[in-house]
Amino acid sequence: MTDDRTLRIALAGGGAFGAKHAAALRRIEGVEVAAVVSSSLESARKFAADQGVGRAVASLDEVLAMDDVDAVVLATPTPMHAGQTLACLDAGKHVQVEIPLAASLGDAEACLAAQERTGLVAMVGHTRRFNPSHQWLRQRIQAGEYHIQQMDVQTYFFRRTNLNALGQPRSWTDHLLWHHAAHTVDLFAYQTGSPIVQAHAIQGPIHPELGIAMDMSIQLRAANGALCTLSLSFNNDGPLGTFFRYIGDNGTYLARYDDLFTGKDEPIDVSRVAVSMDGIELQDREFVAAIREGREPNSSIAQVMSCYRTLAALEEQLTAASAF
């Protein structure tokens, strides 16, 4: 699609991230949110009314049957991601799926095969590639002005009960490895420009009700020698979110989502890095631009597959360790 007509995008998922995408898409010229689908028709209608969207439907199948929908953004529960990505591609729709693409390597590879078969734009929401903070550092790295020696990353939430980002009961269980670690595993290889050649993981006890590890530690080494240490917890009752410390050859930087600071906690102006200070909007702009220009997007399925291969290897380690 290279013409200037309105790009009509359907949004699946009426939760916290669905709202972020709805707001972001409204700010992109030549884009219309054509329909929304949520867990029920009632939920979809409420979400559509809140977001100013004129059409709410009960199922993704209804969206995929619409001839006037060009693309779909999936902000649905993780267990649905791979199957819905395949359904969108099989229906001839470009698709952006929120991170993670899948919760297994086999499902991720099936999505890659579908993208290659259809030639459609298929992008995964690895938002850290798009946050202005990380983009500012990437520009310095690509200019040869900065070289990463180590990334120290903390991903901390307080989720001892199964609630979503809005504090509402969740019908599925989030995962430290396949969701939250995916952000850092992908970003580390992306920023260093070097493949991950060593990866190790250990985890704490399995929660008796949620069935997942609530604490995890991951170590990575890139082929160029850079290191990454990632600590993850659902037990942290303190500042929530993911915080990145870049330790380089000529500076230390702290990235907190879209904001950036020096190692001494001095703010760095990243307002001129891109057309927005919102990483989700920049992610959506890339999706739209790739469709219009008929090209592979940054964070395409093909580009992030190495991340999911690393996650699968880490899962094998954790499974083997749990047998002892």
Protein backbone atom coordinates (compact mmCIF):
# COMPACT_ATOMS: atom_id res chain seq x y z
CA MET A 1 0.00 0.00 0.00
CA THR A 2 1.70 3.20 -1.17
CA ASP A 3 -1.23 5.57 -1.72
CA ASP A 4 -2.34 8.34 0.63
CA ARG A 5 -5.81 7.03 1.43
CA THR A 6 -6.87 6.56 5.01
CA LEU A 7 -5.36 3.48 6.60
CA ARG A 8 -8.06 1.65 8.51
CA ILE A 9 -6.78 -0.25 11.53
CA ALA A 10 -8.80 -2.46 13.86
CA LEU A 11 -7.79 -2.72 17.50
CA ALA A 12 -8.23 -5.96 19.45
CA GLY A 13 -8.00 -5.66 23.22
CA GLY A 14 -9.91 -3.27 25.43
CA GLY A 15 -7.46 -3.14 28.34
CA ALA A 16 -4.69 -0.80 29.45
CA PHE A 17 -2.50 -1.31 26.38
CA GLY A 18 -5.46 -1.20 24.03
CA ALA A 19 -6.16 2.29 25.37
CA LYS A 20 -2.51 3.29 24.83
CA HIS A 21 -2.68 2.18 21.20
CA ALA A 22 -6.04 3.86 20.63
CA ALA A 23 -4.61 7.16 21.89
CA ALA A 24 -1.46 6.75 19.80
CA LEU A 25 -3.31 5.89 16.58
CA ARG A 26 -5.51 8.99 16.98
CA ARG A 27 -2.37 11.12 16.76
CA ILE A 28 -1.20 9.63 13.45
CA GLU A 29 -2.40 11.45 10.33
CA GLY A 30 -4.25 9.38 7.76
CA VAL A 31 -5.16 6.62 10.21
CA GLU A 32 -8.60 5.61 11.42
CA VAL A 33 -9.39 3.12 14.16
CA ALA A 34 -12.05 1.30 12.16
CA ALA A 35 -13.28 -1.14 14.79
CA VAL A 36 -12.55 -2.46 18.24
CA VAL A 37 -13.00 -5.93 19.67
CA SER A 38 -12.73 -6.90 23.32
CA SER A 39 -13.53 -9.87 25.55
CA SER A 40 -17.28 -9.34 25.02
CA LEU A 41 -19.51 -7.17 22.87
CA GLU A 42 -20.50 -5.18 25.95
CA SER A 43 -16.85 -4.57 26.82
CA ALA A 44 -16.07 -3.62 23.21
CA ARG A 45 -18.93 -1.12 23.10
CA LYS A 46 -17.80 0.53 26.31
CA PHE A 47 -14.20 0.69 25.10
CA ALA A 48 -15.30 2.08 21.71
CA ALA A 49 -17.37 4.77 23.43
CA ASP A 50 -14.47 5.70 25.71
CA GLN A 51 -12.06 5.92 22.78
CA GLY A 52 -14.37 7.60 20.28
CA VAL A 53 -14.50 4.64 17.90
CA GLY A 54 -17.69 4.14 15.92
CA ARG A 55 -17.73 0.36 15.57
CA ALA A 56 -17.52 -2.33 18.25
CA VAL A 57 -17.68 -6.03 17.45
CA ALA A 58 -17.76 -9.22 19.48
CA SER A 59 -14.95 -11.21 17.88
CA LEU A 60 -11.73 -10.95 15.93
CA ASP A 61 -13.27 -13.17 13.23
CA GLU A 62 -15.78 -10.37 12.49
CA VAL A 63 -12.94 -7.90 12.10
CA LEU A 64 -11.00 -10.22 9.79
CA ALA A 65 -14.05 -10.56 7.54
CA MET A 66 -14.25 -6.78 7.02
CA ASP A 67 -13.04 -5.75 3.56
CA ASP A 68 -12.47 -2.16 4.71
CA VAL A 69 -9.95 -3.09 7.45
CA ASP A 70 -6.34 -2.95 6.29
CA ALA A 71 -4.53 -3.96 9.47
CA VAL A 72 -4.97 -5.11 13.05
CA VAL A 73 -3.22 -4.16 16.29
CA LEU A 74 -3.40 -6.97 18.83
CA ALA A 75 -3.33 -5.84 22.47
CA THR A 76 -4.89 -9.05 23.75
CA PRO A 77 -3.81 -11.55 26.44
CA THR A 78 -0.47 -13.24 25.81
CA PRO A 79 -1.91 -16.77 25.25
CA MET A 80 -3.88 -15.41 22.27
CA HIS A 81 -1.01 -13.65 20.51
CA ALA A 82 0.35 -16.35 18.23
CA GLY A 83 -3.02 -17.75 17.16
CA GLN A 84 -4.44 -14.30 16.47
CA THR A 85 -1.32 -13.24 14.56
CA LEU A 86 -1.71 -16.30 12.32
CA ALA A 87 -5.41 -15.56 11.83
CA CYS A 88 -4.71 -11.96 10.79
CA LEU A 89 -2.04 -12.97 8.29
CA ASP A 90 -4.18 -15.76 6.86
CA ALA A 91 -7.01 -13.20 6.41
CA GLY A 92 -4.70 -10.89 4.44
CA LYS A 93 -4.36 -8.25 7.18
CA HIS A 94 -1.14 -6.56 8.23
CA VAL A 95 -0.63 -7.13 11.95
CA GLN A 96 1.15 -5.64 14.91
CA VAL A 97 1.03 -7.86 17.99
CA GLU A 98 1.99 -6.70 21.46
CA ILE A 99 4.98 -8.32 23.12
CA PRO A 100 5.42 -11.26 23.40
CA LEU A 101 4.81 -12.70 19.96
CA ALA A 102 4.30 -16.11 21.52
CA ALA A 103 4.89 -18.11 24.69
CA SER A 104 6.81 -20.87 22.90
CA LEU A 105 9.43 -21.02 20.17
CA GLY A 106 7.28 -23.30 18.02
CA ASP A 107 4.42 -20.79 17.95
CA ALA A 108 6.82 -17.92 17.18
CA GLU A 109 8.32 -19.86 14.28
CA ALA A 110 4.83 -20.59 12.91
CA CYS A 111 4.13 -16.84 12.88
CA LEU A 112 7.39 -16.17 11.04
CA ALA A 113 6.51 -18.80 8.43
CA ALA A 114 3.09 -17.18 7.92
CA GLN A 115 4.65 -13.74 7.44
CA GLU A 116 7.12 -15.10 4.91
CA ARG A 117 4.33 -16.94 3.09
CA THR A 118 2.02 -13.89 2.89
CA GLY A 119 4.57 -11.09 2.54
CA LEU A 120 2.44 -8.88 4.81
CA VAL A 121 3.79 -6.46 7.40
CA ALA A 122 3.99 -8.33 10.71
CA MET A 123 5.50 -6.45 13.62
CA VAL A 124 5.94 -7.22 17.32
CA GLY A 125 5.58 -4.53 19.99
CA HIS A 126 9.12 -4.57 21.34
CA THR A 127 8.58 -1.02 22.58
CA ARG A 128 12.06 -0.51 24.02
CA ARG A 129 13.41 -0.18 20.47
CA PHE A 130 11.18 2.88 20.09
CA ASN A 131 11.39 4.68 23.44
CA PRO A 132 13.18 8.03 22.88
CA SER A 133 15.57 7.22 25.73
CA HIS A 134 16.87 4.08 24.04
CA GLN A 135 16.79 5.70 20.60
CA TRP A 136 19.06 8.52 21.86
CA LEU A 137 21.60 5.96 22.99
CA ARG A 138 21.28 3.93 19.80
CA GLN A 139 22.07 7.01 17.72
CA ARG A 140 25.29 7.53 19.70
CA ILE A 141 26.15 3.84 19.37
CA GLN A 142 25.58 3.84 15.61
CA ALA A 143 27.70 7.00 15.26
CA GLY A 144 30.58 5.21 16.99
CA GLU A 145 30.44 7.60 19.95
CA TYR A 146 29.44 5.07 22.60
CA HIS A 147 30.10 1.39 23.23
CA ILE A 148 28.15 -0.68 25.73
CA GLN A 149 30.21 -2.65 28.23
CA GLN A 150 27.32 -3.78 30.40
CA MET A 151 23.57 -3.31 30.78
CA ASP A 152 22.16 -3.72 34.28
CA VAL A 153 18.38 -4.05 34.15
CA GLN A 154 15.69 -4.32 36.83
CA THR A 155 12.14 -5.37 35.95
CA TYR A 156 10.05 -5.10 39.10
CA PHE A 157 6.31 -5.43 39.72
CA PHE A 158 4.12 -6.39 42.66
CA ARG A 159 1.81 -9.12 41.41
CA ARG A 160 1.19 -11.69 44.13
CA THR A 161 -2.39 -11.85 42.91
CA ASN A 162 -3.47 -12.17 39.29
CA LEU A 163 -4.28 -8.54 38.45
CA ASN A 164 -3.61 -6.51 35.30
CA ALA A 165 -2.02 -3.07 34.95
CA LEU A 166 -5.34 -1.46 35.91
CA GLY A 167 -5.63 -3.54 39.08
CA GLN A 168 -8.41 -5.68 37.62
CA PRO A 169 -8.64 -9.50 37.80
CA ARG A 170 -6.83 -11.17 34.91
CA SER A 171 -8.05 -14.27 33.09
CA TRP A 172 -4.49 -15.39 32.29
CA THR A 173 -1.15 -15.41 34.09
CA ASP A 174 1.68 -13.06 33.14
CA HIS A 175 5.20 -14.48 32.82
CA LEU A 176 8.59 -13.07 33.79
CA LEU A 177 10.51 -14.99 31.10
CA TRP A 178 8.30 -15.00 28.01
CA HIS A 179 6.94 -11.48 28.51
CA HIS A 180 9.07 -9.23 30.67
CA ALA A 181 12.49 -10.71 29.92
CA ALA A 182 11.70 -10.53 26.20
CA HIS A 183 11.97 -6.72 26.32
CA THR A 184 15.53 -6.81 27.64
CA VAL A 185 16.80 -9.84 25.72
CA ASP A 186 15.78 -8.18 22.45
CA LEU A 187 17.01 -4.70 23.42
CA PHE A 188 20.43 -5.96 24.54
CA ALA A 189 21.18 -7.60 21.19
CA TYR A 190 19.63 -4.66 19.30
CA GLN A 191 21.65 -1.99 21.11
CA THR A 192 24.96 -3.83 21.09
CA GLY A 193 24.49 -4.84 17.45
CA SER A 194 25.88 -8.21 18.43
CA PRO A 195 24.17 -11.61 18.80
CA ILE A 196 23.76 -13.20 22.22
CA VAL A 197 26.21 -16.10 22.53
CA GLN A 198 25.77 -17.00 26.21
CA ALA A 199 22.58 -16.98 28.28
CA HIS A 200 21.98 -18.30 31.78
CA ALA A 201 18.95 -18.15 34.08
CA ILE A 202 17.95 -19.14 37.59
CA GLN A 203 14.57 -18.69 39.23
CA GLY A 204 12.99 -18.72 42.67
CA PRO A 205 10.20 -20.93 43.98
CA ILE A 206 7.04 -21.51 41.95
CA HIS A 207 4.02 -19.66 43.33
CA PRO A 208 1.55 -22.28 44.65
CA GLU A 209 -1.50 -20.60 43.09
CA LEU A 210 -0.17 -18.72 40.05
CA GLY A 211 2.08 -21.59 38.96
CA ILE A 212 4.96 -19.32 37.92
CA ALA A 213 8.29 -18.23 39.35
CA MET A 214 7.96 -14.85 41.05
CA ASP A 215 11.68 -14.05 40.93
CA MET A 216 14.26 -14.62 38.22
CA SER A 217 17.83 -13.69 37.35
CA ILE A 218 19.26 -13.77 33.81
CA GLN A 219 22.82 -13.23 32.54
CA LEU A 220 23.64 -12.58 28.88
CA ARG A 221 26.85 -12.10 26.89
CA ALA A 222 26.99 -10.72 23.37
CA ALA A 223 29.53 -11.87 20.80
CA ASN A 224 31.35 -8.53 21.13
CA GLY A 225 31.89 -9.13 24.88
CA ALA A 226 29.14 -6.88 26.25
CA LEU A 227 27.31 -8.20 29.32
CA CYS A 228 23.75 -7.91 30.55
CA THR A 229 22.45 -8.69 34.03
CA LEU A 230 18.66 -8.78 34.35
CA SER A 231 16.76 -9.08 37.64
CA LEU A 232 13.00 -9.70 37.49
CA SER A 233 10.45 -9.91 40.28
CA PHE A 234 6.71 -9.96 40.86
CA ASN A 235 7.42 -9.62 44.61
CA ASN A 236 8.73 -6.05 44.56
CA ASP A 237 6.59 -3.66 46.61
CA GLY A 238 8.34 -0.49 45.52
CA PRO A 239 8.98 1.53 42.36
CA LEU A 240 7.39 -0.49 39.58
CA GLY A 241 8.53 -0.91 35.99
CA THR A 242 11.78 -1.58 34.14
CA PHE A 243 14.91 0.48 34.66
CA PHE A 244 17.98 0.19 32.43
CA ARG A 245 21.51 1.18 33.43
CA TYR A 246 23.84 1.45 30.43
CA ILE A 247 27.50 1.23 31.44
CA GLY A 248 29.68 2.26 28.52
CA ASP A 249 33.19 3.27 27.57
CA ASN A 250 32.54 6.97 28.13
CA GLY A 251 29.42 7.33 30.20
CA THR A 252 26.68 5.74 32.27
CA TYR A 253 23.02 6.34 31.48
CA LEU A 254 19.72 5.40 33.14
CA ALA A 255 16.74 4.80 30.87
CA ARG A 256 13.28 4.81 32.44
CA TYR A 257 10.77 4.15 29.68
CA ASP A 258 10.73 7.31 27.50
CA ASP A 259 13.04 9.31 29.81
CA LEU A 260 16.84 9.32 30.08
CA PHE A 261 19.26 10.40 32.81
CA THR A 262 23.02 10.42 33.36
CA GLY A 263 24.57 8.09 35.90
CA LYS A 264 24.32 10.99 38.35
CA ASP A 265 20.56 11.17 37.73
CA GLU A 266 20.74 14.37 35.67
CA PRO A 267 17.94 14.51 33.05
CA ILE A 268 18.86 14.41 29.35
CA ASP A 269 16.63 16.16 26.82
CA VAL A 270 15.44 13.53 24.33
CA SER A 271 12.53 15.60 22.99
CA ARG A 272 14.20 16.00 19.59
CA VAL A 273 14.94 12.32 19.05
CA ALA A 274 11.63 11.65 17.30
CA VAL A 275 8.28 13.26 16.48
CA SER A 276 6.80 12.11 19.79
CA MET A 277 7.93 11.40 23.33
CA ASP A 278 5.59 8.38 23.51
CA GLY A 279 7.24 5.05 22.72
CA ILE A 280 3.91 3.38 21.92
CA GLU A 281 3.05 6.12 19.42
CA LEU A 282 6.47 5.80 17.77
CA GLN A 283 5.95 2.03 17.56
CA ASP A 284 2.56 2.55 15.90
CA ARG A 285 4.01 5.15 13.52
CA GLU A 286 6.59 2.61 12.37
CA PHE A 287 3.84 0.05 11.74
CA VAL A 288 1.85 2.54 9.65
CA ALA A 289 4.92 3.74 7.74
CA ALA A 290 5.98 0.17 6.90
CA ILE A 291 2.53 -0.60 5.49
CA ARG A 292 2.44 2.59 3.42
CA GLU A 293 6.00 2.12 2.13
CA GLY A 294 5.72 -1.63 1.53
CA ARG A 295 8.80 -2.45 3.62
CA GLU A 296 9.88 -4.51 6.61
CA PRO A 297 9.29 -2.66 9.88
CA ASN A 298 11.72 -2.25 12.71
CA SER A 299 10.82 -5.02 15.21
CA SER A 300 9.44 -7.29 12.50
CA ILE A 301 8.85 -10.93 13.40
CA ALA A 302 12.02 -11.85 11.51
CA GLN A 303 14.10 -9.31 13.46
CA VAL A 304 12.94 -10.43 16.90
CA MET A 305 13.09 -14.20 16.34
CA SER A 306 16.57 -14.44 17.87
CA CYS A 307 15.07 -13.12 21.12
CA TYR A 308 12.53 -15.94 21.24
CA ARG A 309 15.22 -18.52 20.49
CA THR A 310 17.18 -17.22 23.49
CA LEU A 311 14.06 -17.34 25.68
CA ALA A 312 13.44 -20.95 24.64
CA ALA A 313 17.03 -21.87 25.55
CA LEU A 314 16.62 -20.20 28.94
CA GLU A 315 13.36 -22.05 29.52
CA GLU A 316 15.14 -25.35 28.83
CA GLN A 317 17.73 -24.46 31.47
CA LEU A 318 15.07 -23.60 34.04
CA THR A 319 13.10 -26.77 33.31
CA ALA A 320 16.21 -28.94 33.62
CA ALA A 321 17.18 -27.24 36.90
CA SER A 322 13.73 -27.77 38.37
CA ALA A 323 14.08 -31.53 37.87
CA PHE A 324 16.76 -31.74 40.56
